[in-house]
Amino acid sequence: MTVSLLSARWIVTGTTTENVPDIHKNAALAHEDGVILAIGSLEDMRRDYPGAPETAYPHHLILPGLVNSHHHIGLTPLQLGAPDYALELWFAARLSFRSVDPYLDTLYSAFEMISSGITTVQHIQGWAVGDYEEVKASVPADRLLVFEASDGWAPLCEFLGLPVPDVPSPHVNDTQ
């Protein structure tokens, strides 16, 4: 594939250390196979990539992809009927939610995020389908660890294939 240019009135490349947007005015970016090669002034980019096809957006802003790195569900608890209670009450309210197909929930979530500008997401289906025994039965035995913090490091480390640390296991919640 060949190098192409995208030009715009503004290109935002991130933020400075003071959380001020780093904005390039009348700029372009060169890309090839989905990889950004360079960003600079429109004049410099045309000079550095002569003959590269250019898609121009003279009245627009180009932003980097927005990433949502912590997302659990598509339909919000409010959409499913749980008011915005304190955390403990909110968990209890979730117990009465109607069942939603995880695939459709994820698909809905993707549509919502794309429409708001999110380009990358880590979707965590927070509610396994079924009761405790059904969920346990759905996991292959070699990938399942039922762990209690009071068991200490040994079962967890063995499961993960890691050495047991030389520090006490943090299984007690005390103030000392």
N, C-alpha and C. Protein backbone atom coordinates (compact mmCIF):
# COMPACT_ATOMS: atom_id res chain seq x y z
N MET A 1 0.84 -1.18 0.00
CA MET A 1 0.00 0.00 0.00
C MET A 1 0.89 1.24 0.00
N THR A 2 0.37 2.35 -0.49
CA THR A 2 1.17 3.57 -0.58
C THR A 2 0.86 4.52 0.58
N VAL A 3 1.77 5.43 0.77
CA VAL A 3 1.59 6.46 1.79
C VAL A 3 0.53 7.44 1.32
N SER A 4 -0.36 7.82 2.23
CA SER A 4 -1.39 8.81 1.95
C SER A 4 -1.32 9.91 2.99
N LEU A 5 -1.85 11.06 2.64
CA LEU A 5 -1.91 12.18 3.57
C LEU A 5 -3.35 12.48 3.96
N LEU A 6 -3.55 12.84 5.20
CA LEU A 6 -4.80 13.41 5.69
C LEU A 6 -4.46 14.80 6.18
N SER A 7 -5.12 15.80 5.63
CA SER A 7 -4.84 17.16 6.09
C SER A 7 -6.09 17.75 6.73
N ALA A 8 -5.89 18.66 7.67
CA ALA A 8 -7.00 19.28 8.38
C ALA A 8 -6.60 20.65 8.89
N ARG A 9 -7.60 21.41 9.24
CA ARG A 9 -7.32 22.73 9.81
C ARG A 9 -6.56 22.59 11.12
N TRP A 10 -6.93 21.54 11.90
CA TRP A 10 -6.26 21.26 13.17
C TRP A 10 -6.05 19.76 13.31
N ILE A 11 -4.92 19.37 13.86
CA ILE A 11 -4.68 17.97 14.24
C ILE A 11 -4.21 17.99 15.69
N VAL A 12 -4.93 17.26 16.53
CA VAL A 12 -4.57 17.15 17.94
C VAL A 12 -3.74 15.87 18.09
N THR A 13 -2.56 15.99 18.68
CA THR A 13 -1.69 14.82 18.83
C THR A 13 -1.59 14.33 20.27
N GLY A 14 -2.22 15.02 21.19
CA GLY A 14 -2.16 14.62 22.60
C GLY A 14 -2.26 15.86 23.46
N THR A 15 -1.63 15.78 24.64
CA THR A 15 -1.60 16.91 25.55
C THR A 15 -0.18 17.15 26.03
N THR A 16 0.05 18.36 26.46
CA THR A 16 1.35 18.69 27.05
C THR A 16 1.35 18.20 28.49
N THR A 17 2.45 18.42 29.18
CA THR A 17 2.52 18.02 30.58
C THR A 17 1.55 18.80 31.45
N GLU A 18 1.06 19.91 30.95
CA GLU A 18 0.10 20.72 31.70
C GLU A 18 -1.33 20.38 31.30
N ASN A 19 -1.54 19.26 30.58
CA ASN A 19 -2.85 18.85 30.09
C ASN A 19 -3.50 19.86 29.15
N VAL A 20 -2.66 20.55 28.41
CA VAL A 20 -3.12 21.47 27.39
C VAL A 20 -3.02 20.72 26.05
N PRO A 21 -4.07 20.78 25.22
CA PRO A 21 -4.01 20.05 23.95
C PRO A 21 -2.83 20.51 23.09
N ASP A 22 -2.15 19.54 22.47
CA ASP A 22 -1.08 19.82 21.53
C ASP A 22 -1.72 19.86 20.15
N ILE A 23 -1.95 21.08 19.64
CA ILE A 23 -2.72 21.26 18.41
C ILE A 23 -1.81 21.79 17.30
N HIS A 24 -1.81 21.08 16.17
CA HIS A 24 -1.08 21.52 14.98
C HIS A 24 -2.10 22.17 14.04
N LYS A 25 -1.84 23.43 13.66
CA LYS A 25 -2.77 24.14 12.78
C LYS A 25 -2.33 23.97 11.33
N ASN A 26 -3.33 23.83 10.44
CA ASN A 26 -3.06 23.62 9.01
C ASN A 26 -2.00 22.55 8.84
N ALA A 27 -2.34 21.36 9.30
CA ALA A 27 -1.38 20.28 9.38
C ALA A 27 -1.84 19.06 8.58
N ALA A 28 -0.95 18.09 8.51
CA ALA A 28 -1.27 16.83 7.82
C ALA A 28 -0.59 15.69 8.55
N LEU A 29 -1.14 14.51 8.32
CA LEU A 29 -0.46 13.32 8.81
C LEU A 29 -0.28 12.37 7.65
N ALA A 30 0.86 11.70 7.64
CA ALA A 30 1.14 10.68 6.63
C ALA A 30 0.88 9.33 7.27
N HIS A 31 0.19 8.45 6.52
CA HIS A 31 -0.10 7.12 7.06
C HIS A 31 0.04 6.08 5.95
N GLU A 32 0.33 4.86 6.41
CA GLU A 32 0.44 3.74 5.48
C GLU A 32 0.01 2.47 6.22
N ASP A 33 -0.90 1.74 5.62
CA ASP A 33 -1.40 0.50 6.22
C ASP A 33 -1.90 0.70 7.65
N GLY A 34 -2.57 1.82 7.91
CA GLY A 34 -3.12 2.06 9.23
C GLY A 34 -2.13 2.57 10.26
N VAL A 35 -0.91 2.83 9.85
CA VAL A 35 0.12 3.31 10.77
C VAL A 35 0.46 4.75 10.44
N ILE A 36 0.41 5.62 11.45
CA ILE A 36 0.79 7.01 11.25
C ILE A 36 2.31 7.09 11.19
N LEU A 37 2.81 7.65 10.09
CA LEU A 37 4.25 7.76 9.88
C LEU A 37 4.82 9.08 10.38
N ALA A 38 4.05 10.15 10.19
CA ALA A 38 4.55 11.48 10.57
C ALA A 38 3.38 12.45 10.64
N ILE A 39 3.56 13.50 11.44
CA ILE A 39 2.60 14.60 11.53
C ILE A 39 3.40 15.89 11.47
N GLY A 40 2.92 16.83 10.71
CA GLY A 40 3.62 18.11 10.60
C GLY A 40 2.79 19.12 9.86
N SER A 41 3.42 20.25 9.54
CA SER A 41 2.70 21.28 8.80
C SER A 41 2.33 20.72 7.42
N LEU A 42 1.27 21.23 6.86
CA LEU A 42 0.81 20.75 5.56
C LEU A 42 1.90 20.93 4.51
N GLU A 43 2.58 22.05 4.55
CA GLU A 43 3.66 22.31 3.58
C GLU A 43 4.77 21.27 3.72
N ASP A 44 5.21 21.01 4.96
CA ASP A 44 6.29 20.04 5.17
C ASP A 44 5.88 18.64 4.74
N MET A 45 4.65 18.25 5.03
CA MET A 45 4.21 16.90 4.70
C MET A 45 4.09 16.72 3.19
N ARG A 46 3.61 17.75 2.49
CA ARG A 46 3.54 17.65 1.02
C ARG A 46 4.94 17.57 0.43
N ARG A 47 5.89 18.29 1.04
CA ARG A 47 7.27 18.24 0.56
C ARG A 47 7.91 16.88 0.85
N ASP A 48 7.67 16.35 2.06
CA ASP A 48 8.28 15.09 2.46
C ASP A 48 7.67 13.87 1.78
N TYR A 49 6.41 13.99 1.33
CA TYR A 49 5.72 12.87 0.68
C TYR A 49 5.14 13.35 -0.66
N PRO A 50 6.03 13.70 -1.60
CA PRO A 50 5.56 14.23 -2.89
C PRO A 50 4.71 13.19 -3.64
N GLY A 51 3.62 13.64 -4.19
CA GLY A 51 2.76 12.76 -4.98
C GLY A 51 1.84 11.88 -4.15
N ALA A 52 1.93 11.95 -2.82
CA ALA A 52 1.05 11.13 -1.98
C ALA A 52 -0.39 11.63 -2.12
N PRO A 53 -1.33 10.73 -2.32
CA PRO A 53 -2.73 11.18 -2.38
C PRO A 53 -3.13 11.83 -1.06
N GLU A 54 -3.91 12.89 -1.16
CA GLU A 54 -4.28 13.66 0.03
C GLU A 54 -5.80 13.75 0.14
N THR A 55 -6.29 13.45 1.33
CA THR A 55 -7.69 13.69 1.65
C THR A 55 -7.70 14.91 2.56
N ALA A 56 -8.38 15.96 2.09
CA ALA A 56 -8.32 17.24 2.79
C ALA A 56 -9.61 17.52 3.56
N TYR A 57 -9.44 17.98 4.78
CA TYR A 57 -10.54 18.42 5.64
C TYR A 57 -10.20 19.83 6.14
N PRO A 58 -10.32 20.84 5.26
CA PRO A 58 -9.85 22.19 5.60
C PRO A 58 -10.64 22.89 6.70
N HIS A 59 -11.80 22.37 7.05
CA HIS A 59 -12.62 23.00 8.08
C HIS A 59 -12.84 22.07 9.27
N HIS A 60 -12.00 21.04 9.40
CA HIS A 60 -12.24 20.02 10.42
C HIS A 60 -11.03 19.83 11.34
N LEU A 61 -11.30 19.08 12.40
CA LEU A 61 -10.30 18.72 13.41
C LEU A 61 -10.10 17.21 13.35
N ILE A 62 -8.86 16.76 13.40
CA ILE A 62 -8.55 15.33 13.49
C ILE A 62 -8.02 15.07 14.90
N LEU A 63 -8.64 14.08 15.56
CA LEU A 63 -8.25 13.70 16.91
C LEU A 63 -7.63 12.32 16.89
N PRO A 64 -6.78 12.02 17.87
CA PRO A 64 -6.33 10.63 17.98
C PRO A 64 -7.52 9.77 18.41
N GLY A 65 -7.42 8.47 18.23
CA GLY A 65 -8.48 7.58 18.67
C GLY A 65 -8.70 7.70 20.15
N LEU A 66 -9.94 7.75 20.57
CA LEU A 66 -10.26 7.84 21.99
C LEU A 66 -10.41 6.42 22.53
N VAL A 67 -9.83 6.17 23.70
CA VAL A 67 -9.80 4.83 24.26
C VAL A 67 -10.58 4.80 25.57
N ASN A 68 -11.48 3.84 25.68
CA ASN A 68 -12.18 3.58 26.93
C ASN A 68 -11.59 2.28 27.45
N SER A 69 -10.74 2.36 28.45
CA SER A 69 -10.03 1.17 28.90
C SER A 69 -10.69 0.47 30.07
N HIS A 70 -11.87 0.92 30.46
CA HIS A 70 -12.56 0.26 31.57
C HIS A 70 -14.06 0.37 31.32
N HIS A 71 -14.62 -0.71 30.83
CA HIS A 71 -16.04 -0.69 30.49
C HIS A 71 -16.63 -2.05 30.81
N HIS A 72 -17.79 -2.10 31.44
CA HIS A 72 -18.37 -3.37 31.85
C HIS A 72 -19.59 -3.79 31.05
N ILE A 73 -20.49 -2.88 30.81
CA ILE A 73 -21.76 -3.27 30.23
C ILE A 73 -22.20 -2.29 29.16
N GLY A 74 -23.10 -2.73 28.30
CA GLY A 74 -23.67 -1.86 27.28
C GLY A 74 -24.85 -1.09 27.83
N LEU A 75 -25.87 -1.83 28.27
CA LEU A 75 -27.01 -1.18 28.89
C LEU A 75 -26.62 -0.77 30.30
N THR A 76 -26.86 0.47 30.64
CA THR A 76 -26.47 0.96 31.96
C THR A 76 -27.45 0.43 33.02
N PRO A 77 -27.03 0.41 34.27
CA PRO A 77 -27.95 0.01 35.33
C PRO A 77 -29.23 0.84 35.33
N LEU A 78 -29.12 2.13 35.03
CA LEU A 78 -30.31 2.97 35.00
C LEU A 78 -31.25 2.52 33.88
N GLN A 79 -30.68 2.19 32.70
CA GLN A 79 -31.51 1.70 31.60
C GLN A 79 -32.19 0.38 31.95
N LEU A 80 -31.56 -0.39 32.82
CA LEU A 80 -32.13 -1.68 33.23
C LEU A 80 -33.04 -1.56 34.44
N GLY A 81 -33.19 -0.34 34.97
CA GLY A 81 -34.15 -0.13 36.05
C GLY A 81 -33.59 0.10 37.43
N ALA A 82 -32.27 0.26 37.59
CA ALA A 82 -31.69 0.50 38.92
C ALA A 82 -31.34 1.97 39.07
N PRO A 83 -31.98 2.66 39.99
CA PRO A 83 -31.62 4.06 40.24
C PRO A 83 -30.16 4.17 40.71
N ASP A 84 -29.64 5.35 40.69
CA ASP A 84 -28.25 5.59 41.07
C ASP A 84 -28.15 5.65 42.60
N TYR A 85 -28.21 4.46 43.22
CA TYR A 85 -28.14 4.35 44.67
C TYR A 85 -26.69 4.39 45.15
N ALA A 86 -26.53 4.36 46.48
CA ALA A 86 -25.22 4.10 47.07
C ALA A 86 -24.78 2.71 46.61
N LEU A 87 -23.48 2.46 46.60
CA LEU A 87 -22.94 1.23 46.02
C LEU A 87 -23.61 -0.04 46.54
N GLU A 88 -23.78 -0.15 47.85
CA GLU A 88 -24.36 -1.36 48.42
C GLU A 88 -25.78 -1.58 47.91
N LEU A 89 -26.59 -0.53 47.88
CA LEU A 89 -27.97 -0.64 47.39
C LEU A 89 -28.00 -0.90 45.89
N TRP A 90 -27.04 -0.32 45.18
CA TRP A 90 -26.97 -0.50 43.74
C TRP A 90 -26.71 -1.97 43.41
N PHE A 91 -25.77 -2.60 44.14
CA PHE A 91 -25.51 -4.03 43.93
C PHE A 91 -26.77 -4.85 44.17
N ALA A 92 -27.49 -4.54 45.24
CA ALA A 92 -28.72 -5.27 45.54
C ALA A 92 -29.75 -5.07 44.43
N ALA A 93 -29.86 -3.86 43.91
CA ALA A 93 -30.82 -3.58 42.84
C ALA A 93 -30.48 -4.35 41.57
N ARG A 94 -29.19 -4.58 41.34
CA ARG A 94 -28.78 -5.31 40.13
C ARG A 94 -29.24 -6.76 40.15
N LEU A 95 -29.48 -7.31 41.32
CA LEU A 95 -29.93 -8.70 41.41
C LEU A 95 -31.27 -8.91 40.71
N SER A 96 -32.07 -7.86 40.62
CA SER A 96 -33.40 -7.99 40.02
C SER A 96 -33.41 -7.65 38.53
N PHE A 97 -32.27 -7.37 37.94
CA PHE A 97 -32.23 -7.00 36.52
C PHE A 97 -32.74 -8.13 35.65
N ARG A 98 -33.37 -7.75 34.57
CA ARG A 98 -33.76 -8.77 33.60
C ARG A 98 -32.51 -9.26 32.88
N SER A 99 -32.56 -10.45 32.37
CA SER A 99 -31.41 -11.05 31.70
C SER A 99 -31.22 -10.40 30.33
N VAL A 100 -29.98 -10.07 30.01
CA VAL A 100 -29.64 -9.49 28.72
C VAL A 100 -28.57 -10.37 28.08
N ASP A 101 -28.77 -10.72 26.83
CA ASP A 101 -27.80 -11.54 26.12
C ASP A 101 -26.46 -10.80 26.08
N PRO A 102 -25.37 -11.43 26.56
CA PRO A 102 -24.06 -10.75 26.59
C PRO A 102 -23.59 -10.26 25.22
N TYR A 103 -23.86 -11.02 24.17
CA TYR A 103 -23.45 -10.60 22.82
C TYR A 103 -24.18 -9.33 22.42
N LEU A 104 -25.51 -9.30 22.60
CA LEU A 104 -26.28 -8.12 22.23
C LEU A 104 -25.90 -6.92 23.10
N ASP A 105 -25.63 -7.16 24.37
CA ASP A 105 -25.21 -6.10 25.28
C ASP A 105 -23.89 -5.48 24.80
N THR A 106 -22.95 -6.35 24.41
CA THR A 106 -21.65 -5.88 23.91
C THR A 106 -21.82 -5.12 22.60
N LEU A 107 -22.67 -5.64 21.72
CA LEU A 107 -22.91 -4.98 20.44
C LEU A 107 -23.51 -3.59 20.65
N TYR A 108 -24.50 -3.50 21.54
CA TYR A 108 -25.10 -2.22 21.86
C TYR A 108 -24.05 -1.25 22.40
N SER A 109 -23.21 -1.77 23.28
CA SER A 109 -22.14 -0.96 23.86
C SER A 109 -21.21 -0.43 22.77
N ALA A 110 -20.85 -1.30 21.82
CA ALA A 110 -19.96 -0.87 20.73
C ALA A 110 -20.59 0.25 19.92
N PHE A 111 -21.87 0.13 19.61
CA PHE A 111 -22.55 1.18 18.84
C PHE A 111 -22.54 2.50 19.62
N GLU A 112 -22.82 2.43 20.91
CA GLU A 112 -22.82 3.65 21.72
C GLU A 112 -21.45 4.32 21.72
N MET A 113 -20.40 3.51 21.89
CA MET A 113 -19.06 4.08 21.97
C MET A 113 -18.60 4.64 20.63
N ILE A 114 -18.86 3.93 19.56
CA ILE A 114 -18.47 4.44 18.24
C ILE A 114 -19.16 5.78 17.98
N SER A 115 -20.44 5.88 18.33
CA SER A 115 -21.17 7.13 18.08
C SER A 115 -20.64 8.28 18.93
N SER A 116 -19.96 7.98 20.04
CA SER A 116 -19.42 9.05 20.89
C SER A 116 -17.94 9.31 20.63
N GLY A 117 -17.34 8.60 19.65
CA GLY A 117 -15.95 8.87 19.29
C GLY A 117 -14.95 7.89 19.86
N ILE A 118 -15.38 6.93 20.65
CA ILE A 118 -14.46 5.93 21.19
C ILE A 118 -14.06 4.99 20.06
N THR A 119 -12.78 4.75 19.90
CA THR A 119 -12.33 3.86 18.83
C THR A 119 -11.77 2.54 19.35
N THR A 120 -11.47 2.47 20.63
CA THR A 120 -10.89 1.26 21.22
C THR A 120 -11.49 1.06 22.60
N VAL A 121 -11.80 -0.18 22.92
CA VAL A 121 -12.40 -0.46 24.23
C VAL A 121 -11.98 -1.84 24.71
N GLN A 122 -11.89 -1.96 26.01
CA GLN A 122 -11.75 -3.27 26.63
C GLN A 122 -13.07 -3.54 27.30
N HIS A 123 -13.85 -4.44 26.73
CA HIS A 123 -15.19 -4.73 27.27
C HIS A 123 -15.10 -5.87 28.26
N ILE A 124 -15.59 -5.65 29.45
CA ILE A 124 -15.57 -6.66 30.50
C ILE A 124 -17.03 -7.02 30.79
N GLN A 125 -17.45 -8.18 30.34
CA GLN A 125 -18.81 -8.60 30.65
C GLN A 125 -18.84 -8.90 32.14
N GLY A 126 -19.42 -8.01 32.90
CA GLY A 126 -19.35 -8.09 34.35
C GLY A 126 -20.27 -9.09 35.00
N TRP A 127 -21.19 -9.64 34.26
CA TRP A 127 -22.14 -10.56 34.87
C TRP A 127 -22.16 -11.84 34.08
N ALA A 128 -21.66 -12.89 34.69
CA ALA A 128 -21.69 -14.20 34.04
C ALA A 128 -23.13 -14.70 34.03
N VAL A 129 -23.47 -15.44 33.01
CA VAL A 129 -24.83 -15.95 32.87
C VAL A 129 -24.97 -17.24 33.67
N GLY A 130 -25.97 -17.31 34.53
CA GLY A 130 -26.22 -18.51 35.32
C GLY A 130 -25.91 -18.28 36.78
N ASP A 131 -26.25 -19.31 37.59
CA ASP A 131 -25.92 -19.22 39.01
C ASP A 131 -24.46 -19.63 39.21
N TYR A 132 -24.02 -19.59 40.46
CA TYR A 132 -22.61 -19.84 40.77
C TYR A 132 -22.13 -21.18 40.24
N GLU A 133 -22.90 -22.23 40.46
CA GLU A 133 -22.49 -23.57 40.02
C GLU A 133 -22.45 -23.65 38.49
N GLU A 134 -23.40 -23.00 37.81
CA GLU A 134 -23.41 -23.02 36.33
C GLU A 134 -22.19 -22.28 35.77
N VAL A 135 -21.86 -21.17 36.40
CA VAL A 135 -20.69 -20.40 35.94
C VAL A 135 -19.43 -21.23 36.15
N LYS A 136 -19.27 -21.83 37.33
CA LYS A 136 -18.10 -22.67 37.59
C LYS A 136 -18.02 -23.82 36.59
N ALA A 137 -19.15 -24.45 36.30
CA ALA A 137 -19.18 -25.59 35.39
C ALA A 137 -18.84 -25.19 33.96
N SER A 138 -19.03 -23.92 33.62
CA SER A 138 -18.77 -23.46 32.25
C SER A 138 -17.28 -23.18 31.99
N VAL A 139 -16.47 -23.20 33.03
CA VAL A 139 -15.04 -22.90 32.91
C VAL A 139 -14.25 -24.22 32.91
N PRO A 140 -13.35 -24.42 31.92
CA PRO A 140 -12.54 -25.64 31.93
C PRO A 140 -11.77 -25.75 33.25
N ALA A 141 -11.66 -26.95 33.77
CA ALA A 141 -11.04 -27.18 35.08
C ALA A 141 -9.63 -26.61 35.16
N ASP A 142 -8.86 -26.69 34.08
CA ASP A 142 -7.49 -26.18 34.11
C ASP A 142 -7.42 -24.65 34.08
N ARG A 143 -8.58 -23.99 33.90
CA ARG A 143 -8.61 -22.53 33.88
C ARG A 143 -9.41 -21.96 35.04
N LEU A 144 -9.82 -22.81 35.97
CA LEU A 144 -10.65 -22.38 37.08
C LEU A 144 -9.90 -22.46 38.39
N LEU A 145 -9.90 -21.37 39.14
CA LEU A 145 -9.37 -21.36 40.49
C LEU A 145 -10.43 -20.71 41.37
N VAL A 146 -10.95 -21.47 42.31
CA VAL A 146 -11.85 -20.91 43.31
C VAL A 146 -10.94 -20.56 44.48
N PHE A 147 -10.78 -19.28 44.74
CA PHE A 147 -9.74 -18.81 45.66
C PHE A 147 -10.34 -17.99 46.78
N GLU A 148 -9.91 -18.25 47.96
CA GLU A 148 -10.22 -17.45 49.14
C GLU A 148 -8.92 -16.80 49.58
N ALA A 149 -8.93 -15.53 49.87
CA ALA A 149 -7.71 -14.83 50.28
C ALA A 149 -7.06 -15.48 51.49
N SER A 150 -7.88 -16.06 52.36
CA SER A 150 -7.34 -16.70 53.56
C SER A 150 -6.53 -17.96 53.23
N ASP A 151 -6.59 -18.47 51.99
CA ASP A 151 -5.80 -19.64 51.59
C ASP A 151 -4.32 -19.31 51.45
N GLY A 152 -3.99 -18.03 51.41
CA GLY A 152 -2.59 -17.62 51.28
C GLY A 152 -2.12 -17.66 49.83
N TRP A 153 -0.81 -17.45 49.67
CA TRP A 153 -0.22 -17.34 48.33
C TRP A 153 -0.20 -18.65 47.55
N ALA A 154 0.01 -19.77 48.22
CA ALA A 154 0.34 -21.04 47.56
C ALA A 154 -0.63 -21.43 46.43
N PRO A 155 -1.95 -21.53 46.68
CA PRO A 155 -2.82 -21.99 45.59
C PRO A 155 -2.85 -21.01 44.42
N LEU A 156 -2.81 -19.72 44.71
CA LEU A 156 -2.83 -18.72 43.65
C LEU A 156 -1.55 -18.79 42.82
N CYS A 157 -0.41 -18.85 43.48
CA CYS A 157 0.86 -18.89 42.76
C CYS A 157 1.00 -20.18 41.95
N GLU A 158 0.55 -21.30 42.51
CA GLU A 158 0.61 -22.56 41.78
C GLU A 158 -0.26 -22.48 40.52
N PHE A 159 -1.46 -21.91 40.65
CA PHE A 159 -2.37 -21.77 39.52
C PHE A 159 -1.76 -20.90 38.42
N LEU A 160 -1.08 -19.82 38.82
CA LEU A 160 -0.48 -18.88 37.86
C LEU A 160 0.90 -19.31 37.40
N GLY A 161 1.45 -20.35 38.03
CA GLY A 161 2.79 -20.81 37.65
C GLY A 161 3.87 -19.85 38.10
N LEU A 162 3.66 -19.23 39.25
CA LEU A 162 4.62 -18.25 39.78
C LEU A 162 5.16 -18.72 41.12
N PRO A 163 6.36 -18.25 41.48
CA PRO A 163 6.90 -18.61 42.80
C PRO A 163 6.12 -17.91 43.91
N VAL A 164 6.07 -18.55 45.06
CA VAL A 164 5.39 -17.96 46.22
C VAL A 164 6.28 -16.84 46.76
N PRO A 165 5.74 -15.63 46.94
CA PRO A 165 6.54 -14.51 47.45
C PRO A 165 7.02 -14.76 48.89
N ASP A 166 8.09 -14.08 49.25
CA ASP A 166 8.66 -14.19 50.60
C ASP A 166 8.03 -13.17 51.55
N VAL A 167 6.83 -12.73 51.26
CA VAL A 167 6.13 -11.78 52.14
C VAL A 167 4.79 -12.41 52.54
N PRO A 168 4.27 -12.02 53.67
CA PRO A 168 2.99 -12.59 54.11
C PRO A 168 1.87 -12.26 53.11
N SER A 169 0.95 -13.18 52.97
CA SER A 169 -0.21 -12.97 52.11
C SER A 169 -1.12 -11.91 52.74
N PRO A 170 -1.59 -10.94 51.96
CA PRO A 170 -2.46 -9.89 52.51
C PRO A 170 -3.89 -10.39 52.63
N HIS A 171 -4.20 -11.15 53.66
CA HIS A 171 -5.54 -11.71 53.80
C HIS A 171 -6.29 -11.20 55.02
N VAL A 172 -5.68 -10.30 55.76
CA VAL A 172 -6.33 -9.79 56.96
C VAL A 172 -6.51 -8.29 56.78
N ASN A 173 -7.69 -7.80 57.08
CA ASN A 173 -7.97 -6.38 57.01
C ASN A 173 -7.92 -5.83 58.43
N ASP A 174 -6.73 -5.33 58.79
CA ASP A 174 -6.60 -4.75 60.12
C ASP A 174 -5.93 -3.38 60.01
N THR A 175 -5.84 -2.70 61.12
CA THR A 175 -5.28 -1.35 61.11
C THR A 175 -3.86 -1.29 61.63
N GLN A 176 -3.22 -2.44 61.84
CA GLN A 176 -1.86 -2.44 62.39
C GLN A 176 -0.83 -2.51 61.30
